[in-house]
Amino acid sequence: MPWYCEKGMQGFEGRQGDPGPKGDDGICPTDCKGIMGPPGEPGLPGPVAARGLKGAKGMEGDKGMKGDMGDTGPPGTPGSMGLKGDLGPKGDCNCTDGSAFSVALTSNFPPPDTPVVFSYVHYNYQRHYNEMTGIYTAPINGTYVFSYHLTIYDRILKVGIFHNYYPVVKTTGTSMLGTVSHTVILHLARGDMVWLQVKDLLTNGMYAGYEASSTFSGYLLHPDHKNMLNLSKKCSKNVKMAHLRASV
């Protein structure tokens, strides 16, 4: 059996040795610029800044091209009735003359939204009907009678008598070759206007030809009571003057 010694106990740690000499300087790769590392994680959003000042107005742009015309809108609601005007000056009316007219159509299918012009005159001695505009103007306050007898051709006819821009009576005729007629009694003040008017272009079948006529007529049925008194005085005076002339 060999001889050996038992292992002894670990000794104390020795002191730290002196630092060694400095090593040689390193060499930079290529151009000595650092190599960018990978991007980091995004940071948290910062607080909202205050609103900035309003910027200066920019230059005005070029004028755009004209757009297409839009669809026609619906008709507006009728306006309210206007205030009654002041009483006009007293007019003269010859008691020996009536106040009547009778006219006929010469141009077929009259335009809408305007008085129908009956340019052929059968009777208009006092010239209260204007054959250029188609409007009858009342010479005095009184009760008047108006009537029309119209021939229809080729299309429907929707027509009415208007008194100061308001329709009084309306008539519709649907025959391809027929007639419509109407009579109305109106009280008018001096200066009031009356005329005939068709509804639209599709319903303006008013016609006049060699064998068919379209006419519009009216006359003063009687003046108001005050006018009648004035007329009676005028008539009496005229009768007296006539007797005096005859006796001379």
Protein backbone atom coordinates (compact mmCIF):
# COMPACT_ATOMS: atom_id res chain seq x y z
CA MET A 1 0.00 0.00 0.00
CA PRO A 2 1.65 3.30 -1.18
CA TRP A 3 2.38 6.01 1.05
CA TYR A 4 0.73 9.40 0.62
CA CYS A 5 0.02 12.56 2.52
CA GLU A 6 -3.43 13.86 3.27
CA LYS A 7 -4.67 17.01 1.33
CA GLY A 8 -4.19 20.15 3.32
CA MET A 9 -6.53 23.11 3.78
CA GLN A 10 -6.88 25.89 1.07
CA GLY A 11 -4.61 28.79 1.63
CA PHE A 12 -5.45 32.53 1.80
CA GLU A 13 -6.11 34.52 -1.48
CA GLY A 14 -3.07 36.37 -2.74
CA ARG A 15 -2.91 40.10 -3.41
CA GLN A 16 -3.96 41.65 -6.76
CA GLY A 17 -1.20 41.93 -9.27
CA ASP A 18 -0.01 45.18 -10.88
CA PRO A 19 -1.81 46.30 -14.16
CA GLY A 20 -0.21 45.26 -17.37
CA PRO A 21 1.10 47.61 -20.07
CA LYS A 22 -1.39 49.49 -22.50
CA GLY A 23 -2.28 47.60 -25.63
CA ASP A 24 -1.89 48.88 -29.17
CA ASP A 25 -4.56 51.31 -30.61
CA GLY A 26 -7.37 49.71 -32.64
CA ILE A 27 -8.01 50.34 -36.35
CA CYS A 28 -11.35 52.06 -37.53
CA PRO A 29 -13.26 50.13 -40.17
CA THR A 30 -13.37 51.81 -43.63
CA ASP A 31 -14.25 55.59 -43.17
CA CYS A 32 -14.35 55.49 -39.37
CA LYS A 33 -18.09 56.30 -39.32
CA GLY A 34 -20.27 54.57 -36.82
CA ILE A 35 -22.68 51.96 -37.98
CA MET A 36 -26.40 52.92 -37.35
CA GLY A 37 -28.12 50.55 -35.08
CA PRO A 38 -31.71 49.30 -35.51
CA PRO A 39 -34.58 51.81 -34.76
CA GLY A 40 -35.92 51.86 -31.27
CA GLU A 41 -39.53 51.42 -30.17
CA PRO A 42 -41.88 54.46 -30.87
CA GLY A 43 -42.26 56.82 -27.96
CA LEU A 44 -45.53 57.89 -26.38
CA PRO A 45 -47.55 60.65 -28.24
CA GLY A 46 -46.82 64.14 -27.05
CA PRO A 47 -49.45 66.64 -25.80
CA VAL A 48 -51.63 68.58 -28.32
CA ALA A 49 -50.14 71.97 -29.10
CA ALA A 50 -52.12 75.25 -29.03
CA ARG A 51 -54.02 76.32 -32.24
CA GLY A 52 -51.78 78.24 -34.58
CA LEU A 53 -52.50 81.69 -36.04
CA LYS A 54 -54.83 82.01 -39.07
CA GLY A 55 -52.89 81.83 -42.28
CA ALA A 56 -52.90 84.55 -44.95
CA LYS A 57 -55.68 84.45 -47.61
CA GLY A 58 -54.58 82.56 -50.66
CA MET A 59 -54.81 83.81 -54.24
CA GLU A 60 -58.23 83.67 -55.91
CA GLY A 61 -58.60 80.69 -58.21
CA ASP A 62 -59.58 80.81 -61.88
CA LYS A 63 -63.27 81.18 -62.75
CA GLY A 64 -64.89 77.82 -63.35
CA MET A 65 -66.90 76.81 -66.41
CA LYS A 66 -70.62 77.65 -66.55
CA GLY A 67 -72.70 74.76 -65.25
CA ASP A 68 -75.73 73.21 -66.92
CA MET A 69 -79.12 74.82 -66.36
CA GLY A 70 -81.02 73.19 -63.50
CA ASP A 71 -84.56 71.87 -63.59
CA THR A 72 -87.41 74.35 -63.45
CA GLY A 73 -88.64 74.75 -59.89
CA PRO A 74 -92.28 74.47 -58.84
CA PRO A 75 -94.45 77.60 -59.13
CA GLY A 76 -94.48 79.81 -56.08
CA THR A 77 -97.51 80.42 -53.93
CA PRO A 78 -99.72 83.38 -54.95
CA GLY A 79 -98.89 86.58 -53.18
CA SER A 80 -101.25 88.33 -50.83
CA MET A 81 -103.82 90.74 -52.24
CA GLY A 82 -102.55 94.28 -52.45
CA LEU A 83 -104.06 97.25 -50.68
CA LYS A 84 -106.95 99.08 -52.30
CA GLY A 85 -105.75 102.14 -54.16
CA ASP A 86 -106.94 105.68 -53.72
CA LEU A 87 -110.10 106.76 -55.48
CA GLY A 88 -109.27 108.21 -58.86
CA PRO A 89 -110.56 111.47 -60.30
CA LYS A 90 -114.13 111.61 -61.49
CA GLY A 91 -114.45 110.68 -65.15
CA ASP A 92 -116.85 111.89 -67.80
CA CYS A 93 -119.26 109.55 -69.53
CA ASN A 94 -121.62 110.62 -72.31
CA CYS A 95 -125.09 109.39 -71.32
CA THR A 96 -126.10 109.08 -74.98
CA ASP A 97 -123.35 106.48 -75.61
CA GLY A 98 -123.06 102.98 -74.19
CA SER A 99 -119.83 101.30 -73.15
CA ALA A 100 -119.42 98.09 -75.18
CA PHE A 101 -116.96 96.16 -77.33
CA SER A 102 -116.88 93.03 -79.50
CA VAL A 103 -113.62 91.65 -80.93
CA ALA A 104 -112.38 88.52 -82.70
CA LEU A 105 -109.23 86.38 -82.71
CA THR A 106 -106.87 86.55 -85.72
CA SER A 107 -103.83 84.60 -84.42
CA ASN A 108 -104.31 80.94 -83.45
CA PHE A 109 -102.95 79.22 -80.31
CA PRO A 110 -102.19 82.36 -78.24
CA PRO A 111 -99.28 82.31 -75.76
CA PRO A 112 -99.96 81.74 -72.03
CA ASP A 113 -99.35 84.03 -69.03
CA THR A 114 -100.47 87.10 -70.94
CA PRO A 115 -103.79 88.54 -72.15
CA VAL A 116 -105.11 87.03 -75.40
CA VAL A 117 -105.10 89.70 -78.09
CA PHE A 118 -108.33 89.80 -80.11
CA SER A 119 -107.12 92.18 -82.81
CA TYR A 120 -110.10 92.19 -85.18
CA VAL A 121 -112.62 94.76 -83.96
CA HIS A 122 -116.35 94.30 -84.60
CA TYR A 123 -117.33 97.15 -82.28
CA ASN A 124 -115.19 99.36 -80.02
CA TYR A 125 -116.64 102.84 -80.52
CA GLN A 126 -115.58 104.18 -77.10
CA ARG A 127 -112.17 102.44 -77.42
CA HIS A 128 -112.20 101.10 -73.86
CA TYR A 129 -110.87 97.81 -75.26
CA ASN A 130 -107.21 97.95 -76.37
CA GLU A 131 -106.75 95.79 -79.48
CA MET A 132 -102.95 95.96 -79.05
CA THR A 133 -102.88 94.49 -75.51
CA GLY A 134 -106.18 92.56 -75.35
CA ILE A 135 -107.28 94.40 -72.17
CA TYR A 136 -110.63 96.10 -71.50
CA THR A 137 -110.49 98.99 -69.00
CA ALA A 138 -113.67 100.04 -67.21
CA PRO A 139 -114.48 103.74 -67.82
CA ILE A 140 -116.74 104.18 -64.73
CA ASN A 141 -117.91 102.30 -61.65
CA GLY A 142 -120.73 99.96 -62.56
CA THR A 143 -122.00 96.48 -63.41
CA TYR A 144 -120.62 94.90 -66.58
CA VAL A 145 -121.34 91.78 -68.64
CA PHE A 146 -118.53 89.82 -70.37
CA SER A 147 -118.78 86.77 -72.59
CA TYR A 148 -116.65 84.68 -74.93
CA HIS A 149 -117.36 82.11 -77.63
CA LEU A 150 -114.20 80.24 -78.65
CA THR A 151 -113.41 77.57 -81.24
CA ILE A 152 -111.09 74.69 -80.25
CA TYR A 153 -108.77 72.93 -82.68
CA ASP A 154 -105.91 70.39 -82.49
CA ARG A 155 -105.41 70.52 -78.70
CA ILE A 156 -107.16 71.06 -75.36
CA LEU A 157 -108.23 74.58 -74.44
CA LYS A 158 -108.17 75.86 -70.85
CA VAL A 159 -109.15 79.52 -70.72
CA GLY A 160 -110.51 82.01 -68.20
CA ILE A 161 -111.65 85.59 -67.71
CA PHE A 162 -109.19 87.56 -65.55
CA HIS A 163 -110.08 90.62 -63.48
CA ASN A 164 -107.05 92.62 -62.30
CA TYR A 165 -104.70 89.56 -62.49
CA TYR A 166 -107.11 87.17 -60.75
CA PRO A 167 -109.11 84.48 -62.62
CA VAL A 168 -112.87 84.92 -62.30
CA VAL A 169 -114.25 82.02 -64.39
CA LYS A 170 -112.49 79.12 -66.12
CA THR A 171 -113.53 76.82 -68.96
CA THR A 172 -111.98 73.60 -70.30
CA GLY A 173 -112.70 72.21 -73.76
CA THR A 174 -111.33 68.84 -74.92
CA SER A 175 -112.87 68.46 -78.40
CA MET A 176 -110.52 68.34 -81.37
CA LEU A 177 -112.92 70.70 -83.17
CA GLY A 178 -115.51 72.15 -80.81
CA THR A 179 -116.45 75.31 -78.95
CA VAL A 180 -116.55 76.67 -75.41
CA SER A 181 -118.44 79.71 -74.16
CA HIS A 182 -119.14 81.54 -70.91
CA THR A 183 -120.86 84.68 -69.65
CA VAL A 184 -120.18 86.47 -66.37
CA ILE A 185 -121.47 89.65 -64.68
CA LEU A 186 -118.90 91.69 -62.75
CA HIS A 187 -118.92 94.87 -60.73
CA LEU A 188 -115.95 97.01 -61.76
CA ALA A 189 -114.48 100.22 -60.48
CA ARG A 190 -113.19 102.84 -62.87
CA GLY A 191 -109.78 101.69 -64.16
CA ASP A 192 -110.33 97.95 -63.45
CA MET A 193 -109.01 95.64 -66.19
CA VAL A 194 -110.55 92.51 -67.73
CA TRP A 195 -109.08 90.09 -70.28
CA LEU A 196 -108.95 86.45 -71.43
CA GLN A 197 -105.94 84.21 -70.76
CA VAL A 198 -105.02 80.58 -71.56
CA LYS A 199 -103.34 78.31 -69.01
CA ASP A 200 -100.21 77.01 -70.79
CA LEU A 201 -98.69 76.03 -74.14
CA LEU A 202 -100.25 72.55 -74.10
CA THR A 203 -103.79 73.83 -73.45
CA ASN A 204 -103.99 76.87 -75.74
CA GLY A 205 -106.07 75.36 -78.53
CA MET A 206 -107.95 78.59 -79.33
CA TYR A 207 -108.55 78.81 -83.07
CA ALA A 208 -110.03 81.05 -85.75
CA GLY A 209 -110.43 80.22 -89.44
CA TYR A 210 -112.57 80.90 -92.51
CA GLU A 211 -115.48 78.89 -91.12
CA ALA A 212 -114.88 79.28 -87.36
CA SER A 213 -114.54 82.35 -85.15
CA SER A 214 -113.39 83.05 -81.59
CA THR A 215 -114.86 86.21 -80.07
CA PHE A 216 -114.71 88.21 -76.83
CA SER A 217 -117.39 90.79 -75.94
CA GLY A 218 -118.49 92.98 -73.06
CA TYR A 219 -120.69 95.93 -72.18
CA LEU A 220 -121.78 98.16 -69.29
CA LEU A 221 -125.06 96.83 -67.90
CA HIS A 222 -125.66 99.89 -65.70
CA PRO A 223 -123.53 102.43 -63.80
CA ASP A 224 -123.52 102.65 -60.01
CA HIS A 225 -126.37 104.66 -58.46
CA LYS A 226 -124.23 107.78 -57.94
CA ASN A 227 -123.07 107.65 -61.54
CA MET A 228 -126.67 107.23 -62.71
CA LEU A 229 -127.71 110.42 -60.89
CA ASN A 230 -124.90 112.36 -62.53
CA LEU A 231 -125.77 110.88 -65.93
CA SER A 232 -129.46 111.74 -65.49
CA LYS A 233 -128.56 115.36 -64.76
CA LYS A 234 -126.34 115.44 -67.84
CA CYS A 235 -129.05 113.90 -69.99
CA SER A 236 -131.67 116.37 -68.72
CA LYS A 237 -129.35 119.26 -69.43
CA ASN A 238 -128.64 117.95 -72.94
CA VAL A 239 -132.39 117.56 -73.64
CA LYS A 240 -133.09 121.13 -72.50
CA MET A 241 -130.28 122.48 -74.69
CA ALA A 242 -131.67 120.55 -77.66
CA HIS A 243 -135.16 122.05 -77.14
CA LEU A 244 -133.70 125.55 -76.90
CA ARG A 245 -131.78 125.09 -80.13
CA ALA A 246 -134.91 123.77 -81.85
CA SER A 247 -137.00 126.78 -80.72
CA VAL A 248 -134.52 129.35 -81.97
